[in-house]
Amino acid sequence: MASTVRVEHINPFVVATMETFRTMMKTEIKPGKVTLKKDSKLLSDVSGIIGLSGGAKGSVILSFPRIAALKVVSQFVGMKVVALDDMVTDAIGELANIVAGAAKRDLAQYKINISLPTVVIGAGHEVGGPKDIIPMLVPFDTPFGEFSLIVSFKSEI
């Protein structure tokens, strides 16, 4: 039977996402209502994915519509970005890495290892994860547009 992510596991990722936007982009963002993500289809165009292993398994995904990704990356790198190019891929991967690394500090008891970031670009792409974990989706409202944080987390301890 699949397990769902517990609040104490998702909160470090929510806080890390908010802190990353505050410090890296001087922007306040607001999380929305947390929901279960029952399928692997994302209604976004760009996703930064970090795998989790060690004392917990799963993944953390930052998933953006095209326009929001371009605006976020423009703010992150300090110059206008207008195409989904290598700069966007690198920046979204780095943002996912920063968020996962910051959350890892608050989950130290799990001795989590984080993978190198993977970035997927394409309308309505799918991202699969462990079949025994039902991921949680947190929408964020930002001045750049909405994006989603999707967390799959299962303690192995």
N, C-alpha and C. Protein backbone atom coordinates (compact mmCIF):
# COMPACT_ATOMS: atom_id res chain seq x y z
N MET A 1 0.84 -1.18 0.00
CA MET A 1 0.00 0.00 0.00
C MET A 1 0.89 1.25 0.00
N ALA A 2 0.53 2.21 -0.79
CA ALA A 2 1.31 3.45 -0.90
C ALA A 2 1.11 4.31 0.34
N SER A 3 2.19 4.97 0.76
CA SER A 3 2.09 5.87 1.90
C SER A 3 2.12 7.31 1.41
N THR A 4 1.53 8.20 2.21
CA THR A 4 1.54 9.62 1.87
C THR A 4 2.64 10.31 2.66
N VAL A 5 3.06 11.43 2.15
CA VAL A 5 4.10 12.22 2.80
C VAL A 5 3.51 12.87 4.05
N ARG A 6 4.25 12.83 5.15
CA ARG A 6 3.78 13.43 6.40
C ARG A 6 4.16 14.90 6.46
N VAL A 7 3.37 15.68 7.21
CA VAL A 7 3.57 17.12 7.31
C VAL A 7 4.99 17.46 7.77
N GLU A 8 5.51 16.73 8.73
CA GLU A 8 6.85 17.04 9.23
C GLU A 8 7.94 16.79 8.19
N HIS A 9 7.59 16.04 7.15
CA HIS A 9 8.54 15.80 6.06
C HIS A 9 8.42 16.85 4.96
N ILE A 10 7.23 17.36 4.73
CA ILE A 10 7.04 18.33 3.64
C ILE A 10 7.37 19.76 4.07
N ASN A 11 7.13 20.08 5.34
CA ASN A 11 7.36 21.46 5.81
C ASN A 11 8.79 21.97 5.58
N PRO A 12 9.83 21.17 5.79
CA PRO A 12 11.18 21.69 5.50
C PRO A 12 11.36 22.10 4.04
N PHE A 13 10.69 21.41 3.13
CA PHE A 13 10.79 21.77 1.71
C PHE A 13 10.02 23.05 1.40
N VAL A 14 8.86 23.22 2.04
CA VAL A 14 8.08 24.45 1.86
C VAL A 14 8.86 25.64 2.39
N VAL A 15 9.40 25.51 3.59
CA VAL A 15 10.18 26.60 4.19
C VAL A 15 11.43 26.88 3.35
N ALA A 16 12.11 25.84 2.90
CA ALA A 16 13.31 26.02 2.08
C ALA A 16 12.98 26.73 0.76
N THR A 17 11.85 26.41 0.16
CA THR A 17 11.43 27.08 -1.07
C THR A 17 11.19 28.56 -0.82
N MET A 18 10.47 28.87 0.25
CA MET A 18 10.20 30.27 0.58
C MET A 18 11.49 31.03 0.88
N GLU A 19 12.40 30.42 1.64
CA GLU A 19 13.67 31.07 1.98
C GLU A 19 14.54 31.27 0.74
N THR A 20 14.53 30.30 -0.17
CA THR A 20 15.33 30.41 -1.39
C THR A 20 14.86 31.59 -2.23
N PHE A 21 13.56 31.72 -2.39
CA PHE A 21 13.04 32.86 -3.17
C PHE A 21 13.31 34.18 -2.45
N ARG A 22 13.22 34.17 -1.13
CA ARG A 22 13.47 35.40 -0.37
C ARG A 22 14.93 35.83 -0.49
N THR A 23 15.85 34.91 -0.36
CA THR A 23 17.27 35.28 -0.36
C THR A 23 17.86 35.40 -1.76
N MET A 24 17.49 34.50 -2.67
CA MET A 24 18.10 34.49 -4.00
C MET A 24 17.44 35.46 -4.97
N MET A 25 16.14 35.73 -4.75
CA MET A 25 15.42 36.58 -5.70
C MET A 25 14.73 37.76 -5.04
N LYS A 26 15.00 37.95 -3.73
CA LYS A 26 14.42 39.08 -2.99
C LYS A 26 12.90 39.16 -3.19
N THR A 27 12.25 38.00 -3.13
CA THR A 27 10.82 37.89 -3.42
C THR A 27 10.13 37.04 -2.36
N GLU A 28 9.00 37.54 -1.89
CA GLU A 28 8.17 36.76 -0.97
C GLU A 28 7.18 35.94 -1.81
N ILE A 29 7.06 34.67 -1.47
CA ILE A 29 6.11 33.79 -2.15
C ILE A 29 5.19 33.17 -1.11
N LYS A 30 3.99 32.77 -1.55
CA LYS A 30 3.01 32.22 -0.62
C LYS A 30 2.60 30.81 -1.04
N PRO A 31 2.72 29.86 -0.10
CA PRO A 31 2.26 28.51 -0.42
C PRO A 31 0.74 28.45 -0.37
N GLY A 32 0.18 27.59 -1.21
CA GLY A 32 -1.26 27.35 -1.21
C GLY A 32 -1.58 26.07 -0.45
N LYS A 33 -2.76 25.56 -0.69
CA LYS A 33 -3.23 24.36 -0.01
C LYS A 33 -2.51 23.12 -0.53
N VAL A 34 -1.99 22.33 0.39
CA VAL A 34 -1.30 21.08 0.07
C VAL A 34 -2.34 20.04 -0.37
N THR A 35 -2.04 19.36 -1.48
CA THR A 35 -2.94 18.31 -1.98
C THR A 35 -2.14 17.06 -2.34
N LEU A 36 -2.84 15.95 -2.40
CA LEU A 36 -2.22 14.71 -2.87
C LEU A 36 -2.06 14.79 -4.38
N LYS A 37 -0.95 14.29 -4.88
CA LYS A 37 -0.69 14.24 -6.32
C LYS A 37 -0.84 12.78 -6.72
N LYS A 38 -1.96 12.43 -7.33
CA LYS A 38 -2.27 11.02 -7.58
C LYS A 38 -1.79 10.49 -8.92
N ASP A 39 -1.24 11.37 -9.77
CA ASP A 39 -0.70 10.88 -11.04
C ASP A 39 0.65 11.54 -11.29
N SER A 40 1.32 11.12 -12.35
CA SER A 40 2.66 11.64 -12.62
C SER A 40 2.67 12.78 -13.63
N LYS A 41 1.51 13.14 -14.17
CA LYS A 41 1.43 14.20 -15.17
C LYS A 41 1.51 15.56 -14.48
N LEU A 42 2.33 16.43 -15.05
CA LEU A 42 2.48 17.78 -14.53
C LEU A 42 1.93 18.77 -15.56
N LEU A 43 1.20 19.74 -15.10
CA LEU A 43 0.65 20.74 -16.01
C LEU A 43 1.61 21.92 -16.12
N SER A 44 2.86 21.61 -16.30
CA SER A 44 3.90 22.62 -16.38
C SER A 44 4.79 22.34 -17.57
N ASP A 45 5.74 23.24 -17.79
CA ASP A 45 6.63 23.13 -18.94
C ASP A 45 8.08 22.85 -18.56
N VAL A 46 8.46 23.19 -17.33
CA VAL A 46 9.84 23.03 -16.88
C VAL A 46 9.83 22.49 -15.45
N SER A 47 10.55 21.39 -15.21
CA SER A 47 10.62 20.83 -13.85
C SER A 47 12.06 20.52 -13.48
N GLY A 48 12.47 21.00 -12.30
CA GLY A 48 13.76 20.65 -11.72
C GLY A 48 13.53 19.56 -10.70
N ILE A 49 14.26 18.46 -10.82
CA ILE A 49 14.02 17.27 -10.01
C ILE A 49 15.29 16.89 -9.26
N ILE A 50 15.14 16.63 -7.96
CA ILE A 50 16.24 16.15 -7.12
C ILE A 50 15.79 14.84 -6.49
N GLY A 51 16.57 13.78 -6.66
CA GLY A 51 16.28 12.50 -6.01
C GLY A 51 16.80 12.49 -4.59
N LEU A 52 16.11 11.78 -3.73
CA LEU A 52 16.49 11.64 -2.32
C LEU A 52 16.78 10.17 -2.02
N SER A 53 17.86 9.92 -1.31
CA SER A 53 18.19 8.55 -0.90
C SER A 53 18.85 8.60 0.48
N GLY A 54 19.23 7.47 0.99
CA GLY A 54 19.82 7.39 2.33
C GLY A 54 18.78 6.91 3.31
N GLY A 55 18.57 7.66 4.37
CA GLY A 55 17.58 7.29 5.39
C GLY A 55 16.16 7.61 4.99
N ALA A 56 15.99 8.16 3.81
CA ALA A 56 14.68 8.43 3.23
C ALA A 56 14.81 8.29 1.73
N LYS A 57 13.71 7.97 1.07
CA LYS A 57 13.76 7.91 -0.39
C LYS A 57 12.64 8.77 -0.94
N GLY A 58 12.83 9.22 -2.17
CA GLY A 58 11.81 10.02 -2.82
C GLY A 58 12.42 11.06 -3.72
N SER A 59 11.71 12.18 -3.87
CA SER A 59 12.19 13.26 -4.72
C SER A 59 11.53 14.57 -4.34
N VAL A 60 12.14 15.64 -4.80
CA VAL A 60 11.55 16.98 -4.68
C VAL A 60 11.60 17.59 -6.08
N ILE A 61 10.48 18.18 -6.48
CA ILE A 61 10.35 18.73 -7.83
C ILE A 61 9.84 20.16 -7.73
N LEU A 62 10.49 21.07 -8.44
CA LEU A 62 9.97 22.41 -8.64
C LEU A 62 9.49 22.44 -10.08
N SER A 63 8.20 22.70 -10.29
CA SER A 63 7.60 22.60 -11.62
C SER A 63 6.94 23.91 -12.00
N PHE A 64 7.35 24.46 -13.16
CA PHE A 64 6.94 25.80 -13.58
C PHE A 64 6.28 25.80 -14.95
N PRO A 65 5.23 26.61 -15.12
CA PRO A 65 4.78 26.93 -16.47
C PRO A 65 5.89 27.73 -17.17
N ARG A 66 5.91 27.74 -18.49
CA ARG A 66 6.96 28.38 -19.28
C ARG A 66 7.20 29.83 -18.87
N ILE A 67 6.15 30.64 -18.83
CA ILE A 67 6.30 32.08 -18.53
C ILE A 67 6.85 32.28 -17.13
N ALA A 68 6.35 31.54 -16.15
CA ALA A 68 6.85 31.67 -14.77
C ALA A 68 8.32 31.26 -14.71
N ALA A 69 8.70 30.20 -15.41
CA ALA A 69 10.10 29.76 -15.41
C ALA A 69 11.00 30.86 -15.97
N LEU A 70 10.59 31.46 -17.07
CA LEU A 70 11.40 32.53 -17.68
C LEU A 70 11.54 33.73 -16.74
N LYS A 71 10.45 34.10 -16.07
CA LYS A 71 10.50 35.24 -15.14
C LYS A 71 11.34 34.92 -13.90
N VAL A 72 11.18 33.72 -13.36
CA VAL A 72 11.96 33.31 -12.19
C VAL A 72 13.45 33.30 -12.53
N VAL A 73 13.79 32.69 -13.65
CA VAL A 73 15.20 32.61 -14.05
C VAL A 73 15.75 34.00 -14.34
N SER A 74 14.97 34.86 -14.97
CA SER A 74 15.42 36.24 -15.22
C SER A 74 15.77 36.94 -13.91
N GLN A 75 14.93 36.77 -12.91
CA GLN A 75 15.20 37.39 -11.60
C GLN A 75 16.42 36.74 -10.95
N PHE A 76 16.54 35.42 -11.06
CA PHE A 76 17.61 34.66 -10.43
C PHE A 76 18.98 35.04 -11.00
N VAL A 77 19.06 35.19 -12.34
CA VAL A 77 20.35 35.47 -12.97
C VAL A 77 20.60 36.96 -13.19
N GLY A 78 19.56 37.79 -12.97
CA GLY A 78 19.75 39.23 -13.08
C GLY A 78 19.77 39.76 -14.50
N MET A 79 19.16 39.04 -15.42
CA MET A 79 19.04 39.52 -16.80
C MET A 79 17.82 38.88 -17.45
N LYS A 80 17.28 39.55 -18.45
CA LYS A 80 16.07 39.04 -19.09
C LYS A 80 16.36 37.77 -19.89
N VAL A 81 15.57 36.74 -19.61
CA VAL A 81 15.69 35.47 -20.32
C VAL A 81 14.36 35.26 -21.05
N VAL A 82 14.43 34.96 -22.36
CA VAL A 82 13.22 34.86 -23.16
C VAL A 82 13.00 33.50 -23.81
N ALA A 83 13.95 32.58 -23.66
CA ALA A 83 13.82 31.26 -24.29
C ALA A 83 14.18 30.17 -23.29
N LEU A 84 13.54 29.03 -23.45
CA LEU A 84 13.86 27.86 -22.62
C LEU A 84 15.14 27.24 -23.16
N ASP A 85 16.26 27.79 -22.68
CA ASP A 85 17.56 27.37 -23.19
C ASP A 85 18.41 26.77 -22.07
N ASP A 86 19.70 26.61 -22.33
CA ASP A 86 20.60 26.02 -21.34
C ASP A 86 20.66 26.83 -20.04
N MET A 87 20.52 28.16 -20.14
CA MET A 87 20.54 28.99 -18.94
C MET A 87 19.35 28.65 -18.05
N VAL A 88 18.18 28.45 -18.65
CA VAL A 88 16.99 28.09 -17.88
C VAL A 88 17.17 26.71 -17.26
N THR A 89 17.67 25.77 -18.04
CA THR A 89 17.91 24.43 -17.53
C THR A 89 18.85 24.47 -16.32
N ASP A 90 19.96 25.17 -16.45
CA ASP A 90 20.93 25.26 -15.35
C ASP A 90 20.33 25.95 -14.13
N ALA A 91 19.61 27.07 -14.35
CA ALA A 91 19.07 27.84 -13.23
C ALA A 91 17.97 27.07 -12.49
N ILE A 92 17.07 26.43 -13.21
CA ILE A 92 16.00 25.66 -12.55
C ILE A 92 16.61 24.48 -11.79
N GLY A 93 17.60 23.83 -12.37
CA GLY A 93 18.30 22.74 -11.67
C GLY A 93 18.97 23.25 -10.40
N GLU A 94 19.60 24.41 -10.48
CA GLU A 94 20.27 24.98 -9.30
C GLU A 94 19.27 25.37 -8.23
N LEU A 95 18.12 25.95 -8.63
CA LEU A 95 17.08 26.28 -7.64
C LEU A 95 16.59 25.02 -6.92
N ALA A 96 16.34 23.96 -7.67
CA ALA A 96 15.90 22.70 -7.05
C ALA A 96 16.97 22.18 -6.10
N ASN A 97 18.23 22.29 -6.50
CA ASN A 97 19.34 21.85 -5.67
C ASN A 97 19.43 22.66 -4.37
N ILE A 98 19.26 23.97 -4.48
CA ILE A 98 19.31 24.85 -3.29
C ILE A 98 18.18 24.49 -2.33
N VAL A 99 16.98 24.31 -2.86
CA VAL A 99 15.82 23.97 -2.01
C VAL A 99 16.06 22.62 -1.32
N ALA A 100 16.49 21.61 -2.07
CA ALA A 100 16.72 20.29 -1.47
C ALA A 100 17.82 20.34 -0.42
N GLY A 101 18.89 21.08 -0.72
CA GLY A 101 19.98 21.20 0.25
C GLY A 101 19.56 21.89 1.53
N ALA A 102 18.76 22.95 1.41
CA ALA A 102 18.28 23.66 2.60
C ALA A 102 17.34 22.78 3.42
N ALA A 103 16.45 22.04 2.76
CA ALA A 103 15.53 21.16 3.48
C ALA A 103 16.28 20.02 4.16
N LYS A 104 17.35 19.57 3.52
CA LYS A 104 18.16 18.47 4.06
C LYS A 104 18.67 18.81 5.47
N ARG A 105 19.01 20.06 5.69
CA ARG A 105 19.49 20.48 7.03
C ARG A 105 18.45 20.21 8.11
N ASP A 106 17.17 20.45 7.78
CA ASP A 106 16.10 20.26 8.76
C ASP A 106 15.65 18.80 8.87
N LEU A 107 16.20 17.96 8.01
CA LEU A 107 15.86 16.53 8.03
C LEU A 107 17.12 15.70 8.30
N ALA A 108 18.04 16.27 9.05
CA ALA A 108 19.36 15.66 9.27
C ALA A 108 19.27 14.25 9.86
N GLN A 109 18.23 13.98 10.65
CA GLN A 109 18.12 12.67 11.29
C GLN A 109 17.97 11.54 10.26
N TYR A 110 17.60 11.87 9.03
CA TYR A 110 17.43 10.86 7.99
C TYR A 110 18.70 10.61 7.17
N LYS A 111 19.73 11.42 7.40
CA LYS A 111 20.99 11.27 6.67
C LYS A 111 20.73 11.16 5.16
N ILE A 112 20.00 12.15 4.65
CA ILE A 112 19.58 12.15 3.24
C ILE A 112 20.75 12.48 2.33
N ASN A 113 20.81 11.76 1.23
CA ASN A 113 21.70 12.09 0.13
C ASN A 113 20.83 12.68 -0.97
N ILE A 114 21.31 13.75 -1.62
CA ILE A 114 20.55 14.33 -2.71
C ILE A 114 21.32 14.13 -4.02
N SER A 115 20.57 13.83 -5.07
CA SER A 115 21.18 13.59 -6.38
C SER A 115 21.50 14.91 -7.06
N LEU A 116 22.22 14.80 -8.14
CA LEU A 116 22.40 15.96 -9.00
C LEU A 116 21.04 16.29 -9.62
N PRO A 117 20.79 17.56 -9.91
CA PRO A 117 19.49 17.91 -10.47
C PRO A 117 19.30 17.39 -11.90
N THR A 118 18.07 17.05 -12.19
CA THR A 118 17.64 16.72 -13.55
C THR A 118 16.57 17.73 -13.90
N VAL A 119 16.60 18.25 -15.11
CA VAL A 119 15.59 19.21 -15.55
C VAL A 119 14.90 18.64 -16.78
N VAL A 120 13.56 18.65 -16.73
CA VAL A 120 12.74 18.19 -17.83
C VAL A 120 12.00 19.39 -18.41
N ILE A 121 12.06 19.53 -19.73
CA ILE A 121 11.35 20.60 -20.41
C ILE A 121 10.40 19.99 -21.43
N GLY A 122 9.17 20.45 -21.42
CA GLY A 122 8.16 19.97 -22.36
C GLY A 122 6.78 20.13 -21.76
N ALA A 123 5.84 20.57 -22.56
CA ALA A 123 4.48 20.80 -22.08
C ALA A 123 3.84 19.51 -21.59
N GLY A 124 3.27 19.56 -20.38
CA GLY A 124 2.54 18.42 -19.83
C GLY A 124 3.36 17.17 -19.63
N HIS A 125 4.66 17.33 -19.34
CA HIS A 125 5.50 16.16 -19.16
C HIS A 125 5.10 15.37 -17.92
N GLU A 126 5.62 14.17 -17.82
CA GLU A 126 5.36 13.31 -16.67
C GLU A 126 6.66 13.03 -15.94
N VAL A 127 6.57 12.95 -14.63
CA VAL A 127 7.73 12.62 -13.80
C VAL A 127 7.30 11.52 -12.86
N GLY A 128 7.88 10.35 -13.03
CA GLY A 128 7.55 9.21 -12.17
C GLY A 128 8.41 9.21 -10.93
N GLY A 129 7.90 8.60 -9.90
CA GLY A 129 8.64 8.46 -8.65
C GLY A 129 8.37 7.10 -8.07
N PRO A 130 8.84 6.87 -6.85
CA PRO A 130 8.58 5.58 -6.22
C PRO A 130 7.09 5.28 -6.16
N LYS A 131 6.71 4.10 -6.55
CA LYS A 131 5.29 3.72 -6.62
C LYS A 131 4.65 3.57 -5.25
N ASP A 132 5.46 3.43 -4.21
CA ASP A 132 4.90 3.23 -2.87
C ASP A 132 4.76 4.54 -2.09
N ILE A 133 4.92 5.69 -2.77
CA ILE A 133 4.77 6.99 -2.11
C ILE A 133 3.79 7.83 -2.91
N ILE A 134 2.78 8.36 -2.23
CA ILE A 134 1.87 9.31 -2.88
C ILE A 134 2.43 10.71 -2.61
N PRO A 135 2.87 11.40 -3.66
CA PRO A 135 3.49 12.72 -3.45
C PRO A 135 2.47 13.77 -3.01
N MET A 136 3.00 14.81 -2.40
CA MET A 136 2.20 15.97 -2.01
C MET A 136 2.59 17.14 -2.90
N LEU A 137 1.59 17.89 -3.35
CA LEU A 137 1.80 19.05 -4.20
C LEU A 137 1.46 20.31 -3.43
N VAL A 138 2.39 21.27 -3.45
CA VAL A 138 2.17 22.57 -2.82
C VAL A 138 2.25 23.63 -3.92
N PRO A 139 1.12 24.28 -4.24
CA PRO A 139 1.20 25.37 -5.21
C PRO A 139 1.76 26.62 -4.53
N PHE A 140 2.51 27.40 -5.28
CA PHE A 140 3.03 28.67 -4.76
C PHE A 140 2.57 29.80 -5.67
N ASP A 141 2.17 30.89 -5.05
CA ASP A 141 1.80 32.10 -5.77
C ASP A 141 2.96 33.07 -5.63
N THR A 142 3.44 33.59 -6.75
CA THR A 142 4.58 34.50 -6.75
C THR A 142 4.29 35.67 -7.69
N PRO A 143 5.07 36.74 -7.60
CA PRO A 143 4.92 37.83 -8.56
C PRO A 143 5.28 37.39 -9.99
N PHE A 144 5.94 36.24 -10.13
CA PHE A 144 6.35 35.73 -11.44
C PHE A 144 5.31 34.79 -12.04
N GLY A 145 4.30 34.44 -11.28
CA GLY A 145 3.31 33.44 -11.69
C GLY A 145 3.33 32.28 -10.71
N GLU A 146 2.45 31.35 -10.92
CA GLU A 146 2.37 30.19 -10.03
C GLU A 146 3.35 29.10 -10.46
N PHE A 147 3.77 28.31 -9.47
CA PHE A 147 4.54 27.10 -9.73
C PHE A 147 4.21 26.11 -8.63
N SER A 148 4.68 24.88 -8.78
CA SER A 148 4.38 23.83 -7.81
C SER A 148 5.65 23.20 -7.24
N LEU A 149 5.55 22.85 -5.99
CA LEU A 149 6.54 22.03 -5.30
C LEU A 149 5.88 20.68 -5.10
N ILE A 150 6.52 19.62 -5.56
CA ILE A 150 5.99 18.28 -5.38
C ILE A 150 7.02 17.48 -4.58
N VAL A 151 6.58 16.95 -3.45
CA VAL A 151 7.50 16.23 -2.56
C VAL A 151 7.02 14.78 -2.39
N SER A 152 7.94 13.85 -2.68
CA SER A 152 7.75 12.44 -2.38
C SER A 152 8.80 12.11 -1.33
N PHE A 153 8.40 11.60 -0.20
CA PHE A 153 9.34 11.38 0.89
C PHE A 153 8.86 10.20 1.72
N LYS A 154 9.71 9.20 1.87
CA LYS A 154 9.38 8.07 2.71
C LYS A 154 10.60 7.73 3.55
N SER A 155 10.40 7.73 4.86
CA SER A 155 11.48 7.40 5.78
C SER A 155 11.86 5.94 5.63
N GLU A 156 13.15 5.68 5.59
CA GLU A 156 13.65 4.32 5.55
C GLU A 156 14.21 3.92 6.92
N ILE A 157 14.09 4.84 7.89
CA ILE A 157 14.60 4.60 9.24
C ILE A 157 13.50 4.05 10.11
